[in-house]
PDB file of all heavy atoms in Angstrom:
ATOM      1  N   MET A   1       0.834  -1.160  -0.045  1.00  0.00           N
ATOM      2  CA  MET A   1      -0.023  -0.005   0.068  1.00  0.00           C
ATOM      3  C   MET A   1       0.918   1.252   0.014  1.00  0.00           C
ATOM      4  O   MET A   1       0.536   2.238  -0.643  1.00  0.00           O
ATOM      5  CB  MET A   1      -0.949  -0.015   1.204  1.00  0.00           C
ATOM      6  CG  MET A   1      -2.046  -1.076   1.067  1.00  0.00           C
ATOM      7  SD  MET A   1      -3.312  -0.927   2.382  1.00  0.00           S
ATOM      8  CE  MET A   1      -4.134   0.594   1.761  1.00  0.00           C
ATOM      9  N   GLU A   2       2.002   1.231   0.724  1.00  0.00           N
ATOM     10  CA  GLU A   2       2.828   2.368   0.810  1.00  0.00           C
ATOM     11  C   GLU A   2       3.516   2.685  -0.586  1.00  0.00           C
ATOM     12  O   GLU A   2       3.496   3.729  -1.055  1.00  0.00           O
ATOM     13  CB  GLU A   2       3.918   2.178   1.834  1.00  0.00           C
ATOM     14  CG  GLU A   2       3.388   2.206   3.328  1.00  0.00           C
ATOM     15  CD  GLU A   2       2.677   0.872   3.657  1.00  0.00           C
ATOM     16  OE1 GLU A   2       2.809  -0.146   2.898  1.00  0.00           O
ATOM     17  OE2 GLU A   2       2.016   0.791   4.654  1.00  0.00           O
ATOM     18  N   SER A   3       4.116   1.604  -1.172  1.00  0.00           N
ATOM     19  CA  SER A   3       4.774   1.766  -2.432  1.00  0.00           C
ATOM     20  C   SER A   3       3.790   2.102  -3.590  1.00  0.00           C
ATOM     21  O   SER A   3       4.028   2.886  -4.499  1.00  0.00           O
ATOM     22  CB  SER A   3       5.528   0.517  -2.817  1.00  0.00           C
ATOM     23  OG  SER A   3       4.647  -0.602  -3.060  1.00  0.00           O
ATOM     24  N   ALA A   4       2.548   1.528  -3.515  1.00  0.00           N
ATOM     25  CA  ALA A   4       1.566   1.793  -4.485  1.00  0.00           C
ATOM     26  C   ALA A   4       1.091   3.263  -4.427  1.00  0.00           C
ATOM     27  O   ALA A   4       0.854   3.896  -5.431  1.00  0.00           O
ATOM     28  CB  ALA A   4       0.379   0.867  -4.369  1.00  0.00           C
ATOM     29  N   GLN A   5       0.902   3.743  -3.165  1.00  0.00           N
ATOM     30  CA  GLN A   5       0.518   5.127  -3.022  1.00  0.00           C
ATOM     31  C   GLN A   5       1.530   6.144  -3.589  1.00  0.00           C
ATOM     32  O   GLN A   5       1.129   7.018  -4.328  1.00  0.00           O
ATOM     33  CB  GLN A   5       0.257   5.422  -1.565  1.00  0.00           C
ATOM     34  CG  GLN A   5      -0.343   6.822  -1.243  1.00  0.00           C
ATOM     35  CD  GLN A   5      -1.696   7.044  -1.815  1.00  0.00           C
ATOM     36  OE1 GLN A   5      -2.428   6.110  -1.968  1.00  0.00           O
ATOM     37  NE2 GLN A   5      -1.958   8.344  -2.196  1.00  0.00           N
ATOM     38  N   LYS A   6       2.830   5.927  -3.289  1.00  0.00           N
ATOM     39  CA  LYS A   6       3.816   6.717  -3.841  1.00  0.00           C
ATOM     40  C   LYS A   6       3.930   6.671  -5.352  1.00  0.00           C
ATOM     41  O   LYS A   6       4.048   7.702  -6.029  1.00  0.00           O
ATOM     42  CB  LYS A   6       5.198   6.301  -3.257  1.00  0.00           C
ATOM     43  CG  LYS A   6       5.344   6.588  -1.797  1.00  0.00           C
ATOM     44  CD  LYS A   6       5.487   8.104  -1.494  1.00  0.00           C
ATOM     45  CE  LYS A   6       5.799   8.458  -0.045  1.00  0.00           C
ATOM     46  NZ  LYS A   6       5.786   9.874   0.210  1.00  0.00           N
ATOM     47  N   THR A   7       3.701   5.446  -5.866  1.00  0.00           N
ATOM     48  CA  THR A   7       3.762   5.281  -7.275  1.00  0.00           C
ATOM     49  C   THR A   7       2.583   5.938  -7.988  1.00  0.00           C
ATOM     50  O   THR A   7       2.727   6.589  -9.002  1.00  0.00           O
ATOM     51  CB  THR A   7       3.661   3.749  -7.619  1.00  0.00           C
ATOM     52  OG1 THR A   7       4.852   3.101  -7.030  1.00  0.00           O
ATOM     53  CG2 THR A   7       3.680   3.481  -9.146  1.00  0.00           C
ATOM     54  N   ALA A   8       1.348   5.844  -7.401  1.00  0.00           N
ATOM     55  CA  ALA A   8       0.221   6.453  -7.963  1.00  0.00           C
ATOM     56  C   ALA A   8       0.348   8.032  -7.958  1.00  0.00           C
ATOM     57  O   ALA A   8      -0.080   8.703  -8.903  1.00  0.00           O
ATOM     58  CB  ALA A   8      -1.079   6.085  -7.160  1.00  0.00           C
ATOM     59  N   GLU A   9       0.892   8.530  -6.913  1.00  0.00           N
ATOM     60  CA  GLU A   9       1.111   9.995  -6.810  1.00  0.00           C
ATOM     61  C   GLU A   9       2.050  10.479  -7.945  1.00  0.00           C
ATOM     62  O   GLU A   9       1.899  11.484  -8.563  1.00  0.00           O
ATOM     63  CB  GLU A   9       1.701  10.426  -5.437  1.00  0.00           C
ATOM     64  CG  GLU A   9       0.715  10.255  -4.256  1.00  0.00           C
ATOM     65  CD  GLU A   9       1.277  10.376  -2.907  1.00  0.00           C
ATOM     66  OE1 GLU A   9       2.584  10.593  -2.891  1.00  0.00           O
ATOM     67  OE2 GLU A   9       0.562  10.343  -1.915  1.00  0.00           O
ATOM     68  N   ILE A  10       3.163   9.637  -8.214  1.00  0.00           N
ATOM     69  CA  ILE A  10       4.090  10.076  -9.266  1.00  0.00           C
ATOM     70  C   ILE A  10       3.479   9.992 -10.638  1.00  0.00           C
ATOM     71  O   ILE A  10       3.622  10.875 -11.498  1.00  0.00           O
ATOM     72  CB  ILE A  10       5.305   9.170  -9.202  1.00  0.00           C
ATOM     73  CG1 ILE A  10       6.127   9.367  -7.911  1.00  0.00           C
ATOM     74  CG2 ILE A  10       6.171   9.316 -10.478  1.00  0.00           C
ATOM     75  CD1 ILE A  10       7.183   8.383  -7.635  1.00  0.00           C
ATOM     76  N   ILE A  11       2.670   8.965 -10.897  1.00  0.00           N
ATOM     77  CA  ILE A  11       1.971   8.827 -12.127  1.00  0.00           C
ATOM     78  C   ILE A  11       0.948   9.938 -12.362  1.00  0.00           C
ATOM     79  O   ILE A  11       0.859  10.564 -13.453  1.00  0.00           O
ATOM     80  CB  ILE A  11       1.240   7.415 -12.257  1.00  0.00           C
ATOM     81  CG1 ILE A  11       2.210   6.240 -12.231  1.00  0.00           C
ATOM     82  CG2 ILE A  11       0.372   7.326 -13.542  1.00  0.00           C
ATOM     83  CD1 ILE A  11       1.535   4.908 -12.121  1.00  0.00           C
ATOM     84  N   PHE A  12       0.234  10.219 -11.314  1.00  0.00           N
ATOM     85  CA  PHE A  12      -0.789  11.335 -11.342  1.00  0.00           C
ATOM     86  C   PHE A  12      -0.052  12.705 -11.709  1.00  0.00           C
ATOM     87  O   PHE A  12      -0.579  13.487 -12.509  1.00  0.00           O
ATOM     88  CB  PHE A  12      -1.431  11.417 -10.006  1.00  0.00           C
ATOM     89  CG  PHE A  12      -2.532  12.543  -9.894  1.00  0.00           C
ATOM     90  CD1 PHE A  12      -3.777  12.366 -10.525  1.00  0.00           C
ATOM     91  CD2 PHE A  12      -2.293  13.699  -9.188  1.00  0.00           C
ATOM     92  CE1 PHE A  12      -4.743  13.288 -10.408  1.00  0.00           C
ATOM     93  CE2 PHE A  12      -3.230  14.670  -9.125  1.00  0.00           C
ATOM     94  CZ  PHE A  12      -4.496  14.474  -9.761  1.00  0.00           C
ATOM     95  N   ALA A  13       1.084  12.894 -11.085  1.00  0.00           N
ATOM     96  CA  ALA A  13       1.758  14.174 -11.293  1.00  0.00           C
ATOM     97  C   ALA A  13       2.291  14.328 -12.732  1.00  0.00           C
ATOM     98  O   ALA A  13       2.283  15.328 -13.274  1.00  0.00           O
ATOM     99  CB  ALA A  13       2.922  14.311 -10.320  1.00  0.00           C
ATOM    100  N   PHE A  14       2.788  13.206 -13.260  1.00  0.00           N
ATOM    101  CA  PHE A  14       3.406  13.211 -14.576  1.00  0.00           C
ATOM    102  C   PHE A  14       2.463  13.151 -15.789  1.00  0.00           C
ATOM    103  O   PHE A  14       2.755  13.655 -16.859  1.00  0.00           O
ATOM    104  CB  PHE A  14       4.404  12.093 -14.636  1.00  0.00           C
ATOM    105  CG  PHE A  14       5.783  12.452 -14.166  1.00  0.00           C
ATOM    106  CD1 PHE A  14       6.065  12.340 -12.827  1.00  0.00           C
ATOM    107  CD2 PHE A  14       6.776  12.918 -15.006  1.00  0.00           C
ATOM    108  CE1 PHE A  14       7.303  12.694 -12.326  1.00  0.00           C
ATOM    109  CE2 PHE A  14       8.031  13.198 -14.530  1.00  0.00           C
ATOM    110  CZ  PHE A  14       8.286  13.153 -13.208  1.00  0.00           C
ATOM    111  N   THR A  15       1.313  12.476 -15.587  1.00  0.00           N
ATOM    112  CA  THR A  15       0.425  12.205 -16.706  1.00  0.00           C
ATOM    113  C   THR A  15      -0.653  13.246 -16.921  1.00  0.00           C
ATOM    114  O   THR A  15      -1.246  13.307 -18.005  1.00  0.00           O
ATOM    115  CB  THR A  15      -0.306  10.842 -16.588  1.00  0.00           C
ATOM    116  OG1 THR A  15      -1.012  10.841 -15.288  1.00  0.00           O
ATOM    117  CG2 THR A  15       0.779   9.712 -16.551  1.00  0.00           C
ATOM    118  N   GLY A  16      -1.059  13.951 -15.821  1.00  0.00           N
ATOM    119  CA  GLY A  16      -2.072  14.922 -15.959  1.00  0.00           C
ATOM    120  C   GLY A  16      -3.458  14.317 -16.038  1.00  0.00           C
ATOM    121  O   GLY A  16      -4.406  14.946 -16.528  1.00  0.00           O
ATOM    122  N   MET A  17      -3.558  13.022 -15.638  1.00  0.00           N
ATOM    123  CA  MET A  17      -4.857  12.359 -15.619  1.00  0.00           C
ATOM    124  C   MET A  17      -5.684  12.993 -14.439  1.00  0.00           C
ATOM    125  O   MET A  17      -5.208  13.560 -13.541  1.00  0.00           O
ATOM    126  CB  MET A  17      -4.651  10.883 -15.401  1.00  0.00           C
ATOM    127  CG  MET A  17      -3.825  10.214 -16.457  1.00  0.00           C
ATOM    128  SD  MET A  17      -4.505  10.299 -18.130  1.00  0.00           S
ATOM    129  CE  MET A  17      -5.936   9.396 -18.007  1.00  0.00           C
ATOM    130  N   ASP A  18      -7.052  12.724 -14.577  1.00  0.00           N
ATOM    131  CA  ASP A  18      -7.924  13.169 -13.531  1.00  0.00           C
ATOM    132  C   ASP A  18      -7.881  12.316 -12.236  1.00  0.00           C
ATOM    133  O   ASP A  18      -8.271  12.794 -11.179  1.00  0.00           O
ATOM    134  CB  ASP A  18      -9.365  13.273 -14.039  1.00  0.00           C
ATOM    135  CG  ASP A  18      -9.486  14.313 -15.128  1.00  0.00           C
ATOM    136  OD1 ASP A  18      -8.900  15.377 -15.014  1.00  0.00           O
ATOM    137  OD2 ASP A  18     -10.069  14.041 -16.182  1.00  0.00           O
ATOM    138  N   ALA A  19      -7.542  11.045 -12.459  1.00  0.00           N
ATOM    139  CA  ALA A  19      -7.379  10.154 -11.317  1.00  0.00           C
ATOM    140  C   ALA A  19      -6.476   8.935 -11.711  1.00  0.00           C
ATOM    141  O   ALA A  19      -6.517   8.513 -12.925  1.00  0.00           O
ATOM    142  CB  ALA A  19      -8.783   9.599 -10.796  1.00  0.00           C
ATOM    143  N   VAL A  20      -5.725   8.431 -10.761  1.00  0.00           N
ATOM    144  CA  VAL A  20      -4.891   7.281 -10.987  1.00  0.00           C
ATOM    145  C   VAL A  20      -5.185   6.334  -9.813  1.00  0.00           C
ATOM    146  O   VAL A  20      -5.153   6.785  -8.675  1.00  0.00           O
ATOM    147  CB  VAL A  20      -3.413   7.630 -11.079  1.00  0.00           C
ATOM    148  CG1 VAL A  20      -2.564   6.481 -11.166  1.00  0.00           C
ATOM    149  CG2 VAL A  20      -3.191   8.544 -12.259  1.00  0.00           C
ATOM    150  N   SER A  21      -5.285   5.028 -10.137  1.00  0.00           N
ATOM    151  CA  SER A  21      -5.453   4.026  -9.024  1.00  0.00           C
ATOM    152  C   SER A  21      -4.617   2.836  -9.389  1.00  0.00           C
ATOM    153  O   SER A  21      -4.299   2.487 -10.521  1.00  0.00           O
ATOM    154  CB  SER A  21      -6.877   3.679  -8.904  1.00  0.00           C
ATOM    155  OG  SER A  21      -7.354   2.931 -10.026  1.00  0.00           O
ATOM    156  N   ILE A  22      -4.134   2.193  -8.253  1.00  0.00           N
ATOM    157  CA  ILE A  22      -3.424   0.907  -8.379  1.00  0.00           C
ATOM    158  C   ILE A  22      -4.135  -0.121  -7.421  1.00  0.00           C
ATOM    159  O   ILE A  22      -4.470   0.247  -6.285  1.00  0.00           O
ATOM    160  CB  ILE A  22      -1.943   1.034  -8.012  1.00  0.00           C
ATOM    161  CG1 ILE A  22      -1.235   2.035  -8.936  1.00  0.00           C
ATOM    162  CG2 ILE A  22      -1.209  -0.241  -7.957  1.00  0.00           C
ATOM    163  CD1 ILE A  22       0.138   2.350  -8.600  1.00  0.00           C
ATOM    164  N   SER A  23      -4.264  -1.264  -7.927  1.00  0.00           N
ATOM    165  CA  SER A  23      -4.958  -2.353  -7.088  1.00  0.00           C
ATOM    166  C   SER A  23      -4.184  -3.611  -7.141  1.00  0.00           C
ATOM    167  O   SER A  23      -3.360  -3.838  -8.062  1.00  0.00           O
ATOM    168  CB  SER A  23      -6.403  -2.587  -7.587  1.00  0.00           C
ATOM    169  OG  SER A  23      -6.364  -3.331  -8.756  1.00  0.00           O
ATOM    170  N   ASN A  24      -4.418  -4.464  -6.169  1.00  0.00           N
ATOM    171  CA  ASN A  24      -3.970  -5.859  -6.300  1.00  0.00           C
ATOM    172  C   ASN A  24      -5.242  -6.669  -6.785  1.00  0.00           C
ATOM    173  O   ASN A  24      -6.135  -6.080  -7.397  1.00  0.00           O
ATOM    174  CB  ASN A  24      -3.379  -6.444  -5.020  1.00  0.00           C
ATOM    175  CG  ASN A  24      -4.328  -6.367  -3.811  1.00  0.00           C
ATOM    176  OD1 ASN A  24      -5.651  -6.264  -4.041  1.00  0.00           O
ATOM    177  ND2 ASN A  24      -3.878  -6.408  -2.621  1.00  0.00           N
ATOM    178  N   ARG A  25      -5.269  -7.930  -6.540  1.00  0.00           N
ATOM    179  CA  ARG A  25      -6.450  -8.725  -7.073  1.00  0.00           C
ATOM    180  C   ARG A  25      -7.717  -8.499  -6.213  1.00  0.00           C
ATOM    181  O   ARG A  25      -8.841  -8.881  -6.657  1.00  0.00           O
ATOM    182  CB  ARG A  25      -6.099 -10.139  -7.108  1.00  0.00           C
ATOM    183  CG  ARG A  25      -5.052 -10.486  -8.163  1.00  0.00           C
ATOM    184  CD  ARG A  25      -4.987 -11.973  -8.428  1.00  0.00           C
ATOM    185  NE  ARG A  25      -6.273 -12.429  -9.012  1.00  0.00           N
ATOM    186  CZ  ARG A  25      -6.557 -12.381 -10.361  1.00  0.00           C
ATOM    187  NH1 ARG A  25      -5.687 -11.886 -11.193  1.00  0.00           N
ATOM    188  NH2 ARG A  25      -7.753 -12.865 -10.791  1.00  0.00           N
ATOM    189  N   GLU A  26      -7.582  -8.016  -5.018  1.00  0.00           N
ATOM    190  CA  GLU A  26      -8.720  -7.904  -4.077  1.00  0.00           C
ATOM    191  C   GLU A  26      -9.088  -6.528  -3.741  1.00  0.00           C
ATOM    192  O   GLU A  26     -10.321  -6.222  -3.663  1.00  0.00           O
ATOM    193  CB  GLU A  26      -8.492  -8.713  -2.801  1.00  0.00           C
ATOM    194  CG  GLU A  26      -8.401 -10.228  -2.964  1.00  0.00           C
ATOM    195  CD  GLU A  26      -6.990 -10.665  -3.409  1.00  0.00           C
ATOM    196  OE1 GLU A  26      -6.062 -10.014  -3.092  1.00  0.00           O
ATOM    197  OE2 GLU A  26      -6.937 -11.705  -4.081  1.00  0.00           O
ATOM    198  N   GLN A  27      -8.170  -5.625  -3.593  1.00  0.00           N
ATOM    199  CA  GLN A  27      -8.541  -4.345  -3.081  1.00  0.00           C
ATOM    200  C   GLN A  27      -7.722  -3.246  -3.748  1.00  0.00           C
ATOM    201  O   GLN A  27      -6.766  -3.459  -4.415  1.00  0.00           O
ATOM    202  CB  GLN A  27      -8.205  -4.259  -1.544  1.00  0.00           C
ATOM    203  CG  GLN A  27      -6.725  -4.527  -1.248  1.00  0.00           C
ATOM    204  CD  GLN A  27      -6.462  -4.493   0.282  1.00  0.00           C
ATOM    205  OE1 GLN A  27      -7.390  -4.364   1.090  1.00  0.00           O
ATOM    206  NE2 GLN A  27      -5.237  -4.684   0.635  1.00  0.00           N
ATOM    207  N   VAL A  28      -8.236  -2.032  -3.501  1.00  0.00           N
ATOM    208  CA  VAL A  28      -7.565  -0.829  -4.019  1.00  0.00           C
ATOM    209  C   VAL A  28      -6.357  -0.530  -3.109  1.00  0.00           C
ATOM    210  O   VAL A  28      -6.532  -0.440  -1.864  1.00  0.00           O
ATOM    211  CB  VAL A  28      -8.507   0.382  -4.060  1.00  0.00           C
ATOM    212  CG1 VAL A  28      -7.704   1.658  -4.512  1.00  0.00           C
ATOM    213  CG2 VAL A  28      -9.709   0.153  -4.897  1.00  0.00           C
ATOM    214  N   LEU A  29      -5.182  -0.443  -3.645  1.00  0.00           N
ATOM    215  CA  LEU A  29      -3.946  -0.203  -2.896  1.00  0.00           C
ATOM    216  C   LEU A  29      -3.675   1.221  -2.810  1.00  0.00           C
ATOM    217  O   LEU A  29      -3.135   1.796  -1.780  1.00  0.00           O
ATOM    218  CB  LEU A  29      -2.744  -0.931  -3.488  1.00  0.00           C
ATOM    219  CG  LEU A  29      -2.780  -2.473  -3.485  1.00  0.00           C
ATOM    220  CD1 LEU A  29      -1.521  -3.003  -4.143  1.00  0.00           C
ATOM    221  CD2 LEU A  29      -2.890  -2.943  -2.081  1.00  0.00           C
ATOM    222  N   ALA A  30      -4.001   1.999  -3.850  1.00  0.00           N
ATOM    223  CA  ALA A  30      -3.713   3.449  -3.841  1.00  0.00           C
ATOM    224  C   ALA A  30      -4.762   4.153  -4.827  1.00  0.00           C
ATOM    225  O   ALA A  30      -5.129   3.570  -5.845  1.00  0.00           O
ATOM    226  CB  ALA A  30      -2.365   3.694  -4.326  1.00  0.00           C
ATOM    227  N   PHE A  31      -5.069   5.394  -4.426  1.00  0.00           N
ATOM    228  CA  PHE A  31      -6.038   6.160  -5.352  1.00  0.00           C
ATOM    229  C   PHE A  31      -5.667   7.660  -5.135  1.00  0.00           C
ATOM    230  O   PHE A  31      -5.578   8.136  -4.009  1.00  0.00           O
ATOM    231  CB  PHE A  31      -7.471   5.869  -5.002  1.00  0.00           C
ATOM    232  CG  PHE A  31      -8.438   6.443  -6.045  1.00  0.00           C
ATOM    233  CD1 PHE A  31      -8.951   5.624  -6.968  1.00  0.00           C
ATOM    234  CD2 PHE A  31      -8.726   7.792  -6.032  1.00  0.00           C
ATOM    235  CE1 PHE A  31      -9.826   6.110  -7.949  1.00  0.00           C
ATOM    236  CE2 PHE A  31      -9.608   8.277  -7.034  1.00  0.00           C
ATOM    237  CZ  PHE A  31     -10.175   7.438  -8.024  1.00  0.00           C
ATOM    238  N   VAL A  32      -5.453   8.307  -6.303  1.00  0.00           N
ATOM    239  CA  VAL A  32      -5.145   9.721  -6.235  1.00  0.00           C
ATOM    240  C   VAL A  32      -6.025  10.465  -7.284  1.00  0.00           C
ATOM    241  O   VAL A  32      -6.138  10.001  -8.447  1.00  0.00           O
ATOM    242  CB  VAL A  32      -3.653   9.977  -6.523  1.00  0.00           C
ATOM    243  CG1 VAL A  32      -3.257  11.505  -6.523  1.00  0.00           C
ATOM    244  CG2 VAL A  32      -2.776   9.186  -5.592  1.00  0.00           C
ATOM    245  N   GLY A  33      -6.637  11.521  -6.929  1.00  0.00           N
ATOM    246  CA  GLY A  33      -7.422  12.293  -7.842  1.00  0.00           C
ATOM    247  C   GLY A  33      -8.906  12.391  -7.547  1.00  0.00           C
ATOM    248  O   GLY A  33      -9.348  12.076  -6.422  1.00  0.00           O
ATOM    249  N   LYS A  34      -9.674  12.769  -8.506  1.00  0.00           N
ATOM    250  CA  LYS A  34     -11.097  12.872  -8.370  1.00  0.00           C
ATOM    251  C   LYS A  34     -11.719  11.497  -8.102  1.00  0.00           C
ATOM    252  O   LYS A  34     -11.437  10.591  -8.802  1.00  0.00           O
ATOM    253  CB  LYS A  34     -11.762  13.579  -9.493  1.00  0.00           C
ATOM    254  CG  LYS A  34     -11.244  14.998  -9.712  1.00  0.00           C
ATOM    255  CD  LYS A  34     -11.874  15.716 -10.924  1.00  0.00           C
ATOM    256  CE  LYS A  34     -11.372  17.067 -11.051  1.00  0.00           C
ATOM    257  NZ  LYS A  34     -11.924  17.744 -12.222  1.00  0.00           N
ATOM    258  N   GLY A  35     -12.732  11.487  -7.224  1.00  0.00           N
ATOM    259  CA  GLY A  35     -13.333  10.246  -6.888  1.00  0.00           C
ATOM    260  C   GLY A  35     -12.724   9.554  -5.697  1.00  0.00           C
ATOM    261  O   GLY A  35     -13.130   8.474  -5.294  1.00  0.00           O
ATOM    262  N   ALA A  36     -11.697  10.163  -5.014  1.00  0.00           N
ATOM    263  CA  ALA A  36     -11.047   9.653  -3.986  1.00  0.00           C
ATOM    264  C   ALA A  36     -11.903   9.573  -2.695  1.00  0.00           C
ATOM    265  O   ALA A  36     -11.576   8.858  -1.727  1.00  0.00           O
ATOM    266  CB  ALA A  36      -9.778  10.443  -3.599  1.00  0.00           C
ATOM    267  N   ASP A  37     -13.099  10.244  -2.715  1.00  0.00           N
ATOM    268  CA  ASP A  37     -14.023  10.198  -1.544  1.00  0.00           C
ATOM    269  C   ASP A  37     -14.664   8.827  -1.348  1.00  0.00           C
ATOM    270  O   ASP A  37     -15.008   8.466  -0.269  1.00  0.00           O
ATOM    271  CB  ASP A  37     -15.096  11.263  -1.747  1.00  0.00           C
ATOM    272  CG  ASP A  37     -15.876  11.107  -2.965  1.00  0.00           C
ATOM    273  OD1 ASP A  37     -15.245  10.704  -3.958  1.00  0.00           O
ATOM    274  OD2 ASP A  37     -17.069  11.422  -2.936  1.00  0.00           O
ATOM    275  N   HIS A  38     -14.810   8.068  -2.459  1.00  0.00           N
ATOM    276  CA  HIS A  38     -15.376   6.744  -2.359  1.00  0.00           C
ATOM    277  C   HIS A  38     -14.488   5.608  -2.913  1.00  0.00           C
ATOM    278  O   HIS A  38     -14.715   4.454  -2.545  1.00  0.00           O
ATOM    279  CB  HIS A  38     -16.773   6.656  -3.030  1.00  0.00           C
ATOM    280  CG  HIS A  38     -16.708   6.999  -4.485  1.00  0.00           C
ATOM    281  ND1 HIS A  38     -16.723   8.316  -4.933  1.00  0.00           N
ATOM    282  CD2 HIS A  38     -16.731   6.195  -5.528  1.00  0.00           C
ATOM    283  CE1 HIS A  38     -16.735   8.281  -6.243  1.00  0.00           C
ATOM    284  NE2 HIS A  38     -16.696   7.024  -6.693  1.00  0.00           N
ATOM    285  N   HIS A  39     -13.477   5.944  -3.687  1.00  0.00           N
ATOM    286  CA  HIS A  39     -12.423   4.903  -4.066  1.00  0.00           C
ATOM    287  C   HIS A  39     -11.314   5.028  -3.108  1.00  0.00           C
ATOM    288  O   HIS A  39     -10.374   5.693  -3.301  1.00  0.00           O
ATOM    289  CB  HIS A  39     -12.059   5.161  -5.477  1.00  0.00           C
ATOM    290  CG  HIS A  39     -13.109   4.965  -6.575  1.00  0.00           C
ATOM    291  ND1 HIS A  39     -13.541   3.708  -6.890  1.00  0.00           N
ATOM    292  CD2 HIS A  39     -13.782   5.863  -7.293  1.00  0.00           C
ATOM    293  CE1 HIS A  39     -14.462   3.812  -7.809  1.00  0.00           C
ATOM    294  NE2 HIS A  39     -14.653   5.123  -8.064  1.00  0.00           N
ATOM    295  N   LYS A  40     -11.425   4.273  -1.945  1.00  0.00           N
ATOM    296  CA  LYS A  40     -10.402   4.382  -0.830  1.00  0.00           C
ATOM    297  C   LYS A  40      -9.505   3.253  -0.785  1.00  0.00           C
ATOM    298  O   LYS A  40      -9.937   2.143  -0.966  1.00  0.00           O
ATOM    299  CB  LYS A  40     -11.201   4.602   0.428  1.00  0.00           C
ATOM    300  CG  LYS A  40     -12.085   5.875   0.475  1.00  0.00           C
ATOM    301  CD  LYS A  40     -12.775   5.959   1.801  1.00  0.00           C
ATOM    302  CE  LYS A  40     -13.644   7.201   1.852  1.00  0.00           C
ATOM    303  NZ  LYS A  40     -14.343   7.388   3.107  1.00  0.00           N
ATOM    304  N   PRO A  41      -8.239   3.593  -0.608  1.00  0.00           N
ATOM    305  CA  PRO A  41      -7.181   2.479  -0.389  1.00  0.00           C
ATOM    306  C   PRO A  41      -7.602   1.607   0.730  1.00  0.00           C
ATOM    307  O   PRO A  41      -8.078   2.040   1.806  1.00  0.00           O
ATOM    308  CB  PRO A  41      -5.927   3.237  -0.158  1.00  0.00           C
ATOM    309  CG  PRO A  41      -6.133   4.630  -0.734  1.00  0.00           C
ATOM    310  CD  PRO A  41      -7.587   4.856  -0.577  1.00  0.00           C
ATOM    311  N   GLY A  42      -7.379   0.261   0.542  1.00  0.00           N
ATOM    312  CA  GLY A  42      -7.713  -0.718   1.534  1.00  0.00           C
ATOM    313  C   GLY A  42      -9.093  -1.303   1.405  1.00  0.00           C
ATOM    314  O   GLY A  42      -9.377  -2.351   2.022  1.00  0.00           O
ATOM    315  N   GLU A  43      -9.932  -0.655   0.557  1.00  0.00           N
ATOM    316  CA  GLU A  43     -11.296  -1.173   0.452  1.00  0.00           C
ATOM    317  C   GLU A  43     -11.381  -2.075  -0.828  1.00  0.00           C
ATOM    318  O   GLU A  43     -10.530  -1.990  -1.746  1.00  0.00           O
ATOM    319  CB  GLU A  43     -12.308   0.007   0.233  1.00  0.00           C
ATOM    320  CG  GLU A  43     -12.426   0.830   1.578  1.00  0.00           C
ATOM    321  CD  GLU A  43     -13.531   1.798   1.417  1.00  0.00           C
ATOM    322  OE1 GLU A  43     -14.160   1.948   0.383  1.00  0.00           O
ATOM    323  OE2 GLU A  43     -13.797   2.498   2.508  1.00  0.00           O
ATOM    324  N   PRO A  44     -12.304  -2.969  -0.888  1.00  0.00           N
ATOM    325  CA  PRO A  44     -12.498  -3.817  -2.085  1.00  0.00           C
ATOM    326  C   PRO A  44     -12.663  -3.060  -3.387  1.00  0.00           C
ATOM    327  O   PRO A  44     -13.134  -2.000  -3.344  1.00  0.00           O
ATOM    328  CB  PRO A  44     -13.779  -4.645  -1.728  1.00  0.00           C
ATOM    329  CG  PRO A  44     -13.914  -4.568  -0.298  1.00  0.00           C
ATOM    330  CD  PRO A  44     -13.375  -3.284   0.097  1.00  0.00           C
ATOM    331  N   ILE A  45     -12.299  -3.698  -4.482  1.00  0.00           N
ATOM    332  CA  ILE A  45     -12.375  -3.121  -5.796  1.00  0.00           C
ATOM    333  C   ILE A  45     -13.880  -2.940  -6.098  1.00  0.00           C
ATOM    334  O   ILE A  45     -14.643  -3.860  -5.971  1.00  0.00           O
ATOM    335  CB  ILE A  45     -11.701  -4.008  -6.895  1.00  0.00           C
ATOM    336  CG1 ILE A  45     -10.217  -4.093  -6.544  1.00  0.00           C
ATOM    337  CG2 ILE A  45     -12.003  -3.508  -8.323  1.00  0.00           C
ATOM    338  CD1 ILE A  45      -9.483  -5.072  -7.419  1.00  0.00           C
TER     339      ILE A  45
END
């Protein structure tokens, strides 16, 4: 979760996307950008 969050923040800063997320097979590991109020790290996909 820690490495995914840092990675998502870097991708978000470089790409100019509105939101970036990284997940494993079960849950969201990191989410940055719009929609972060309900797409929360640690919760199921």
